[in-house]
Amino acid sequence: MKLYLSSFRFGDEPQKLADLVGDNKNIAIIPNALDIYPDSPRKDAGLQRETDGLLELGLQPEILDLRDYFGKSEELKQKLSQYGAVWVLGGNTFVLRRAYKESGFDNWLQQQKDNQDFVYAGYSAGVCVLSPSLKGLETVDDPVLVGDGYPTETVWDGLNIIDFAFAPHFESPGHPETEMVNHEVAHYKKVGIKYKTLHDGEVIIMEI
C-alpha cells in the first residue's frame, strides 16, 4: 500500500498524489471525520472543494459515506474493490476511528498492506487514525463526541499502519489547532512515544 500523508488538504505538491495512483483513477472521498458537525452549506462547500481538487488532478472522485455500511462489512468490501485510492478528510479522529470499526473498513485496510496498487491518502485525522494508538490526541480532538448513529464507546487503538503518532498543523500559523498540537507533542515527548510533526503544506509519501 502506498501512503500519501498530508497535514492539511492536498499539501503544496498535489501532483505527487496523482502520480501515486495507478491505472484505476477512481478515488473514494471518505468524509466521516466530519460527522460530528451538522450538515451545513459550509460543509457542502468543503466537500465540493475536495471533489474539484481531485478532478483537477485527473482522478475520478466519489463520496463514500461509511455510515451507509455500518454492520455491512461485506457490502463495503465489494464497494471498495471499485477504487484505486481513498482520500480521507480531516475532522475528529475518534469519530473517524469509530466509523472504520463499525463499517469494517479498518479490517479491510489491514488486508491491503501488501497491495501496491492501492493508495491511502488523507490529511489530519485521516492520517492520525493510522497510528498505533490514539492516546494523546484527546488534547486536540474530543474523544466522547459522536455523530448520529454512532456507538458511544471510544476506540483508543489506532490501525498501526504507520509506526508513529502523527501531529499535523504543527507550528502552522493561521490553523486553529496549532496551539493544541503543541500540547499533543509535549505529551508524546513526556511519555516517550515516537511521533512526527508536519507543518501545513508538508506531505509524507511512503510505502508499507
C-alpha atoms as a PDB file:
ATOM      1  CA  MET A   1       0.000   0.000   0.000  1.00  0.00           C
ATOM      2  CA  LYS A   2       1.191   3.463  -0.866  1.00  0.00           C
ATOM      3  CA  LEU A   3       0.569   6.286   1.601  1.00  0.00           C
ATOM      4  CA  TYR A   4       0.112   9.994   0.958  1.00  0.00           C
ATOM      5  CA  LEU A   5       0.009  11.630   4.394  1.00  0.00           C
ATOM      6  CA  SER A   6      -0.738  15.342   4.465  1.00  0.00           C
ATOM      7  CA  SER A   7      -1.040  17.854   7.267  1.00  0.00           C
ATOM      8  CA  PHE A   8      -3.771  19.892   5.595  1.00  0.00           C
ATOM      9  CA  ARG A   9      -5.710  19.133   2.448  1.00  0.00           C
ATOM     10  CA  PHE A  10      -3.593  18.258  -0.582  1.00  0.00           C
ATOM     11  CA  GLY A  11      -0.403  19.942   0.605  1.00  0.00           C
ATOM     12  CA  ASP A  12       1.967  22.011  -1.505  1.00  0.00           C
ATOM     13  CA  GLU A  13       2.590  19.443  -4.256  1.00  0.00           C
ATOM     14  CA  PRO A  14      -0.729  17.732  -5.038  1.00  0.00           C
ATOM     15  CA  GLN A  15       0.533  16.363  -8.345  1.00  0.00           C
ATOM     16  CA  LYS A  16       2.533  13.831  -6.329  1.00  0.00           C
ATOM     17  CA  LEU A  17      -0.765  12.343  -5.166  1.00  0.00           C
ATOM     18  CA  ALA A  18      -1.945  11.920  -8.749  1.00  0.00           C
ATOM     19  CA  ASP A  19       1.392  10.347  -9.658  1.00  0.00           C
ATOM     20  CA  LEU A  20       0.959   7.683  -6.959  1.00  0.00           C
ATOM     21  CA  VAL A  21      -2.364   6.447  -8.296  1.00  0.00           C
ATOM     22  CA  GLY A  22      -2.121   3.685 -10.900  1.00  0.00           C
ATOM     23  CA  ASP A  23      -4.442   2.794 -13.769  1.00  0.00           C
ATOM     24  CA  ASN A  24      -7.559   2.796 -11.599  1.00  0.00           C
ATOM     25  CA  LYS A  25      -8.253   6.519 -11.148  1.00  0.00           C
ATOM     26  CA  ASN A  26     -11.429   6.006  -9.092  1.00  0.00           C
ATOM     27  CA  ILE A  27     -10.905   7.518  -5.650  1.00  0.00           C
ATOM     28  CA  ALA A  28     -13.312   7.424  -2.706  1.00  0.00           C
ATOM     29  CA  ILE A  29     -13.655  10.568  -0.602  1.00  0.00           C
ATOM     30  CA  ILE A  30     -14.277   9.493   2.998  1.00  0.00           C
ATOM     31  CA  PRO A  31     -15.741  12.435   4.980  1.00  0.00           C
ATOM     32  CA  ASN A  32     -16.727  10.697   8.225  1.00  0.00           C
ATOM     33  CA  ALA A  33     -14.343  12.609  10.473  1.00  0.00           C
ATOM     34  CA  LEU A  34     -16.779  15.492   9.935  1.00  0.00           C
ATOM     35  CA  ASP A  35     -19.843  13.600  11.166  1.00  0.00           C
ATOM     36  CA  ILE A  36     -19.918  15.430  14.493  1.00  0.00           C
ATOM     37  CA  TYR A  37     -20.624  18.652  12.662  1.00  0.00           C
ATOM     38  CA  PRO A  38     -24.153  19.396  11.441  1.00  0.00           C
ATOM     39  CA  ASP A  39     -24.747  19.458   7.728  1.00  0.00           C
ATOM     40  CA  SER A  40     -24.338  22.981   6.507  1.00  0.00           C
ATOM     41  CA  PRO A  41     -23.600  24.936   3.333  1.00  0.00           C
ATOM     42  CA  ARG A  42     -20.037  25.351   4.616  1.00  0.00           C
ATOM     43  CA  LYS A  43     -19.565  21.578   4.918  1.00  0.00           C
ATOM     44  CA  ASP A  44     -21.096  21.021   1.486  1.00  0.00           C
ATOM     45  CA  ALA A  45     -18.775  23.643   0.034  1.00  0.00           C
ATOM     46  CA  GLY A  46     -15.816  21.889   1.625  1.00  0.00           C
ATOM     47  CA  LEU A  47     -16.754  18.542   0.083  1.00  0.00           C
ATOM     48  CA  GLN A  48     -17.198  20.221  -3.279  1.00  0.00           C
ATOM     49  CA  ARG A  49     -13.747  21.783  -2.942  1.00  0.00           C
ATOM     50  CA  GLU A  50     -12.192  18.363  -2.270  1.00  0.00           C
ATOM     51  CA  THR A  51     -14.063  16.859  -5.226  1.00  0.00           C
ATOM     52  CA  ASP A  52     -12.994  19.654  -7.562  1.00  0.00           C
ATOM     53  CA  GLY A  53      -9.372  19.362  -6.420  1.00  0.00           C
ATOM     54  CA  LEU A  54      -9.247  15.638  -7.177  1.00  0.00           C
ATOM     55  CA  LEU A  55     -10.892  16.154 -10.559  1.00  0.00           C
ATOM     56  CA  GLU A  56      -8.224  18.721 -11.416  1.00  0.00           C
ATOM     57  CA  LEU A  57      -5.604  16.058 -10.691  1.00  0.00           C
ATOM     58  CA  GLY A  58      -7.174  13.740 -13.258  1.00  0.00           C
ATOM     59  CA  LEU A  59      -8.803  11.471 -10.688  1.00  0.00           C
ATOM     60  CA  GLN A  60     -12.429  10.309 -10.546  1.00  0.00           C
ATOM     61  CA  PRO A  61     -13.759  11.063  -7.048  1.00  0.00           C
ATOM     62  CA  GLU A  62     -16.892   9.730  -5.385  1.00  0.00           C
ATOM     63  CA  ILE A  63     -18.042  10.438  -1.846  1.00  0.00           C
ATOM     64  CA  LEU A  64     -18.176   7.238   0.218  1.00  0.00           C
ATOM     65  CA  ASP A  65     -20.070   7.631   3.495  1.00  0.00           C
ATOM     66  CA  LEU A  66     -19.044   4.798   5.812  1.00  0.00           C
ATOM     67  CA  ARG A  67     -22.250   5.260   7.819  1.00  0.00           C
ATOM     68  CA  ASP A  68     -24.065   3.568   4.937  1.00  0.00           C
ATOM     69  CA  TYR A  69     -22.047   0.434   5.681  1.00  0.00           C
ATOM     70  CA  PHE A  70     -22.262   0.163   9.460  1.00  0.00           C
ATOM     71  CA  GLY A  71     -22.746  -3.542  10.098  1.00  0.00           C
ATOM     72  CA  LYS A  72     -22.370  -4.253   6.353  1.00  0.00           C
ATOM     73  CA  SER A  73     -18.667  -5.009   6.006  1.00  0.00           C
ATOM     74  CA  GLU A  74     -19.126  -7.409   3.067  1.00  0.00           C
ATOM     75  CA  GLU A  75     -21.052  -4.804   1.105  1.00  0.00           C
ATOM     76  CA  LEU A  76     -18.324  -2.266   1.846  1.00  0.00           C
ATOM     77  CA  LYS A  77     -15.651  -4.709   0.709  1.00  0.00           C
ATOM     78  CA  GLN A  78     -17.388  -5.087  -2.645  1.00  0.00           C
ATOM     79  CA  LYS A  79     -17.736  -1.320  -2.998  1.00  0.00           C
ATOM     80  CA  LEU A  80     -14.093  -0.676  -2.184  1.00  0.00           C
ATOM     81  CA  SER A  81     -12.972  -3.044  -4.930  1.00  0.00           C
ATOM     82  CA  GLN A  82     -14.018  -0.324  -7.383  1.00  0.00           C
ATOM     83  CA  TYR A  83     -11.387   2.152  -6.194  1.00  0.00           C
ATOM     84  CA  GLY A  84      -7.682   2.557  -6.723  1.00  0.00           C
ATOM     85  CA  ALA A  85      -7.380   5.015  -3.843  1.00  0.00           C
ATOM     86  CA  VAL A  86      -9.153   6.700  -0.957  1.00  0.00           C
ATOM     87  CA  TRP A  87      -8.928  10.323   0.170  1.00  0.00           C
ATOM     88  CA  VAL A  88      -9.756  10.658   3.880  1.00  0.00           C
ATOM     89  CA  LEU A  89     -10.659  14.087   5.209  1.00  0.00           C
ATOM     90  CA  GLY A  90      -9.686  15.680   8.491  1.00  0.00           C
ATOM     91  CA  GLY A  91     -12.006  16.338  11.402  1.00  0.00           C
ATOM     92  CA  ASN A  92     -12.393  14.357  14.616  1.00  0.00           C
ATOM     93  CA  THR A  93     -10.057  11.336  14.707  1.00  0.00           C
ATOM     94  CA  PHE A  94     -12.114   9.435  17.286  1.00  0.00           C
ATOM     95  CA  VAL A  95     -15.302   9.726  15.236  1.00  0.00           C
ATOM     96  CA  LEU A  96     -13.408   8.546  12.158  1.00  0.00           C
ATOM     97  CA  ARG A  97     -11.992   5.573  14.078  1.00  0.00           C
ATOM     98  CA  ARG A  98     -15.491   4.552  15.159  1.00  0.00           C
ATOM     99  CA  ALA A  99     -16.645   4.738  11.544  1.00  0.00           C
ATOM    100  CA  TYR A 100     -13.764   2.499  10.456  1.00  0.00           C
ATOM    101  CA  LYS A 101     -14.665  -0.073  13.079  1.00  0.00           C
ATOM    102  CA  GLU A 102     -18.434  -0.062  12.580  1.00  0.00           C
ATOM    103  CA  SER A 103     -18.144  -0.443   8.811  1.00  0.00           C
ATOM    104  CA  GLY A 104     -15.271  -2.928   8.792  1.00  0.00           C
ATOM    105  CA  PHE A 105     -13.090  -0.501   6.864  1.00  0.00           C
ATOM    106  CA  ASP A 106     -10.321  -0.981   9.437  1.00  0.00           C
ATOM    107  CA  ASN A 107     -10.099  -4.733   8.781  1.00  0.00           C
ATOM    108  CA  TRP A 108     -10.291  -4.270   5.023  1.00  0.00           C
ATOM    109  CA  LEU A 109      -7.497  -1.700   5.130  1.00  0.00           C
ATOM    110  CA  GLN A 110      -5.253  -4.052   7.062  1.00  0.00           C
ATOM    111  CA  GLN A 111      -5.673  -6.556   4.240  1.00  0.00           C
ATOM    112  CA  GLN A 112      -4.399  -4.008   1.704  1.00  0.00           C
ATOM    113  CA  LYS A 113      -0.946  -3.650   3.235  1.00  0.00           C
ATOM    114  CA  ASP A 114       0.660  -5.778   0.524  1.00  0.00           C
ATOM    115  CA  ASN A 115      -1.408  -4.250  -2.270  1.00  0.00           C
ATOM    116  CA  GLN A 116       0.987  -1.922  -4.064  1.00  0.00           C
ATOM    117  CA  ASP A 117      -1.757  -0.863  -6.481  1.00  0.00           C
ATOM    118  CA  PHE A 118      -3.765   0.800  -3.705  1.00  0.00           C
ATOM    119  CA  VAL A 119      -3.200   4.325  -2.387  1.00  0.00           C
ATOM    120  CA  TYR A 120      -4.350   5.529   1.023  1.00  0.00           C
ATOM    121  CA  ALA A 121      -4.293   9.317   1.067  1.00  0.00           C
ATOM    122  CA  GLY A 122      -5.608  11.800   3.569  1.00  0.00           C
ATOM    123  CA  TYR A 123      -4.901  14.648   5.912  1.00  0.00           C
ATOM    124  CA  SER A 124      -5.044  15.451   9.607  1.00  0.00           C
ATOM    125  CA  ALA A 125      -7.480  12.974  11.259  1.00  0.00           C
ATOM    126  CA  GLY A 126      -7.335  10.880   8.097  1.00  0.00           C
ATOM    127  CA  VAL A 127      -3.683  10.221   8.908  1.00  0.00           C
ATOM    128  CA  CYS A 128      -3.815  10.233  12.716  1.00  0.00           C
ATOM    129  CA  VAL A 129      -6.112   7.208  12.653  1.00  0.00           C
ATOM    130  CA  LEU A 130      -3.297   5.142  11.103  1.00  0.00           C
ATOM    131  CA  SER A 131      -1.075   5.495  14.201  1.00  0.00           C
ATOM    132  CA  PRO A 132      -0.566   2.660  16.702  1.00  0.00           C
ATOM    133  CA  SER A 133      -2.650   4.450  19.337  1.00  0.00           C
ATOM    134  CA  LEU A 134      -4.912   7.482  19.575  1.00  0.00           C
ATOM    135  CA  LYS A 135      -3.741   8.282  23.110  1.00  0.00           C
ATOM    136  CA  GLY A 136      -2.561  11.881  23.176  1.00  0.00           C
ATOM    137  CA  LEU A 137      -4.968  13.056  20.507  1.00  0.00           C
ATOM    138  CA  GLU A 138      -7.520  13.920  23.180  1.00  0.00           C
ATOM    139  CA  THR A 139      -5.576  17.167  23.615  1.00  0.00           C
ATOM    140  CA  VAL A 140      -6.817  18.152  20.147  1.00  0.00           C
ATOM    141  CA  ASP A 141      -9.961  16.098  19.442  1.00  0.00           C
ATOM    142  CA  ASP A 142     -12.800  15.384  21.845  1.00  0.00           C
ATOM    143  CA  PRO A 143     -12.898  11.576  22.274  1.00  0.00           C
ATOM    144  CA  VAL A 144     -16.504  11.410  23.513  1.00  0.00           C
ATOM    145  CA  LEU A 145     -18.290  13.343  20.791  1.00  0.00           C
ATOM    146  CA  VAL A 146     -20.297  11.118  18.468  1.00  0.00           C
ATOM    147  CA  GLY A 147     -22.400  11.600  15.380  1.00  0.00           C
ATOM    148  CA  ASP A 148     -25.889  10.278  14.747  1.00  0.00           C
ATOM    149  CA  GLY A 149     -25.962   6.500  14.563  1.00  0.00           C
ATOM    150  CA  TYR A 150     -22.574   6.045  16.216  1.00  0.00           C
ATOM    151  CA  PRO A 151     -21.755   3.938  19.287  1.00  0.00           C
ATOM    152  CA  THR A 152     -20.621   5.950  22.289  1.00  0.00           C
ATOM    153  CA  GLU A 153     -17.606   3.812  23.192  1.00  0.00           C
ATOM    154  CA  THR A 154     -14.282   5.465  22.413  1.00  0.00           C
ATOM    155  CA  VAL A 155     -11.818   3.367  20.420  1.00  0.00           C
ATOM    156  CA  TRP A 156      -8.268   4.160  21.544  1.00  0.00           C
ATOM    157  CA  ASP A 157      -6.417   1.704  19.336  1.00  0.00           C
ATOM    158  CA  GLY A 158      -5.194   3.089  16.045  1.00  0.00           C
ATOM    159  CA  LEU A 159      -4.747   0.975  12.930  1.00  0.00           C
ATOM    160  CA  ASN A 160      -0.977   0.600  13.452  1.00  0.00           C
ATOM    161  CA  ILE A 161      -0.344   1.049   9.735  1.00  0.00           C
ATOM    162  CA  ILE A 162       2.291   3.664  10.500  1.00  0.00           C
ATOM    163  CA  ASP A 163       4.641   3.211  13.459  1.00  0.00           C
ATOM    164  CA  PHE A 164       4.460   6.762  14.783  1.00  0.00           C
ATOM    165  CA  ALA A 165       1.956   9.212  16.182  1.00  0.00           C
ATOM    166  CA  PHE A 166       1.069  11.888  13.650  1.00  0.00           C
ATOM    167  CA  ALA A 167       0.918  15.546  14.691  1.00  0.00           C
ATOM    168  CA  PRO A 168      -0.403  17.727  11.851  1.00  0.00           C
ATOM    169  CA  HIS A 169      -0.725  21.532  11.805  1.00  0.00           C
ATOM    170  CA  PHE A 170       2.494  21.844  13.847  1.00  0.00           C
ATOM    171  CA  GLU A 171       3.653  25.458  14.066  1.00  0.00           C
ATOM    172  CA  SER A 172       1.234  26.353  11.277  1.00  0.00           C
ATOM    173  CA  PRO A 173       0.154  29.990  11.753  1.00  0.00           C
ATOM    174  CA  GLY A 174      -3.477  30.509  10.961  1.00  0.00           C
ATOM    175  CA  HIS A 175      -4.661  26.995  11.764  1.00  0.00           C
ATOM    176  CA  PRO A 176      -6.918  26.947  14.848  1.00  0.00           C
ATOM    177  CA  GLU A 177      -5.455  23.697  16.216  1.00  0.00           C
ATOM    178  CA  THR A 178      -1.795  24.717  16.165  1.00  0.00           C
ATOM    179  CA  GLU A 179      -1.617  25.588  19.870  1.00  0.00           C
ATOM    180  CA  MET A 180      -3.371  22.366  20.883  1.00  0.00           C
ATOM    181  CA  VAL A 181      -0.945  20.360  18.749  1.00  0.00           C
ATOM    182  CA  ASN A 182       1.896  21.803  20.826  1.00  0.00           C
ATOM    183  CA  HIS A 183       0.320  20.149  23.878  1.00  0.00           C
ATOM    184  CA  GLU A 184      -0.077  16.912  21.919  1.00  0.00           C
ATOM    185  CA  VAL A 185       3.626  16.909  21.016  1.00  0.00           C
ATOM    186  CA  ALA A 186       4.571  17.690  24.630  1.00  0.00           C
ATOM    187  CA  HIS A 187       2.619  14.589  25.697  1.00  0.00           C
ATOM    188  CA  TYR A 188       4.441  12.390  23.201  1.00  0.00           C
ATOM    189  CA  LYS A 189       7.781  13.683  24.418  1.00  0.00           C
ATOM    190  CA  LYS A 190       6.851  13.157  28.056  1.00  0.00           C
ATOM    191  CA  VAL A 191       5.767   9.532  27.675  1.00  0.00           C
ATOM    192  CA  GLY A 192       8.337   8.607  25.033  1.00  0.00           C
ATOM    193  CA  ILE A 193       6.022   7.986  22.076  1.00  0.00           C
ATOM    194  CA  LYS A 194       7.559   8.051  18.599  1.00  0.00           C
ATOM    195  CA  TYR A 195       5.968  10.859  16.613  1.00  0.00           C
ATOM    196  CA  LYS A 196       6.310  13.019  13.526  1.00  0.00           C
ATOM    197  CA  THR A 197       5.172  16.593  13.088  1.00  0.00           C
ATOM    198  CA  LEU A 198       4.120  18.241   9.852  1.00  0.00           C
ATOM    199  CA  HIS A 199       3.562  21.870   9.009  1.00  0.00           C
ATOM    200  CA  ASP A 200       0.554  22.631   6.838  1.00  0.00           C
ATOM    201  CA  GLY A 201       1.656  22.153   3.249  1.00  0.00           C
ATOM    202  CA  GLU A 202       4.025  19.287   4.069  1.00  0.00           C
ATOM    203  CA  VAL A 203       3.362  15.700   2.999  1.00  0.00           C
ATOM    204  CA  ILE A 204       4.907  12.318   3.795  1.00  0.00           C
ATOM    205  CA  ILE A 205       4.904   9.786   0.936  1.00  0.00           C
ATOM    206  CA  MET A 206       5.798   6.200   1.815  1.00  0.00           C
ATOM    207  CA  GLU A 207       5.121   2.547   1.037  1.00  0.00           C
ATOM    208  CA  ILE A 208       4.449  -0.217   3.529  1.00  0.00           C
END
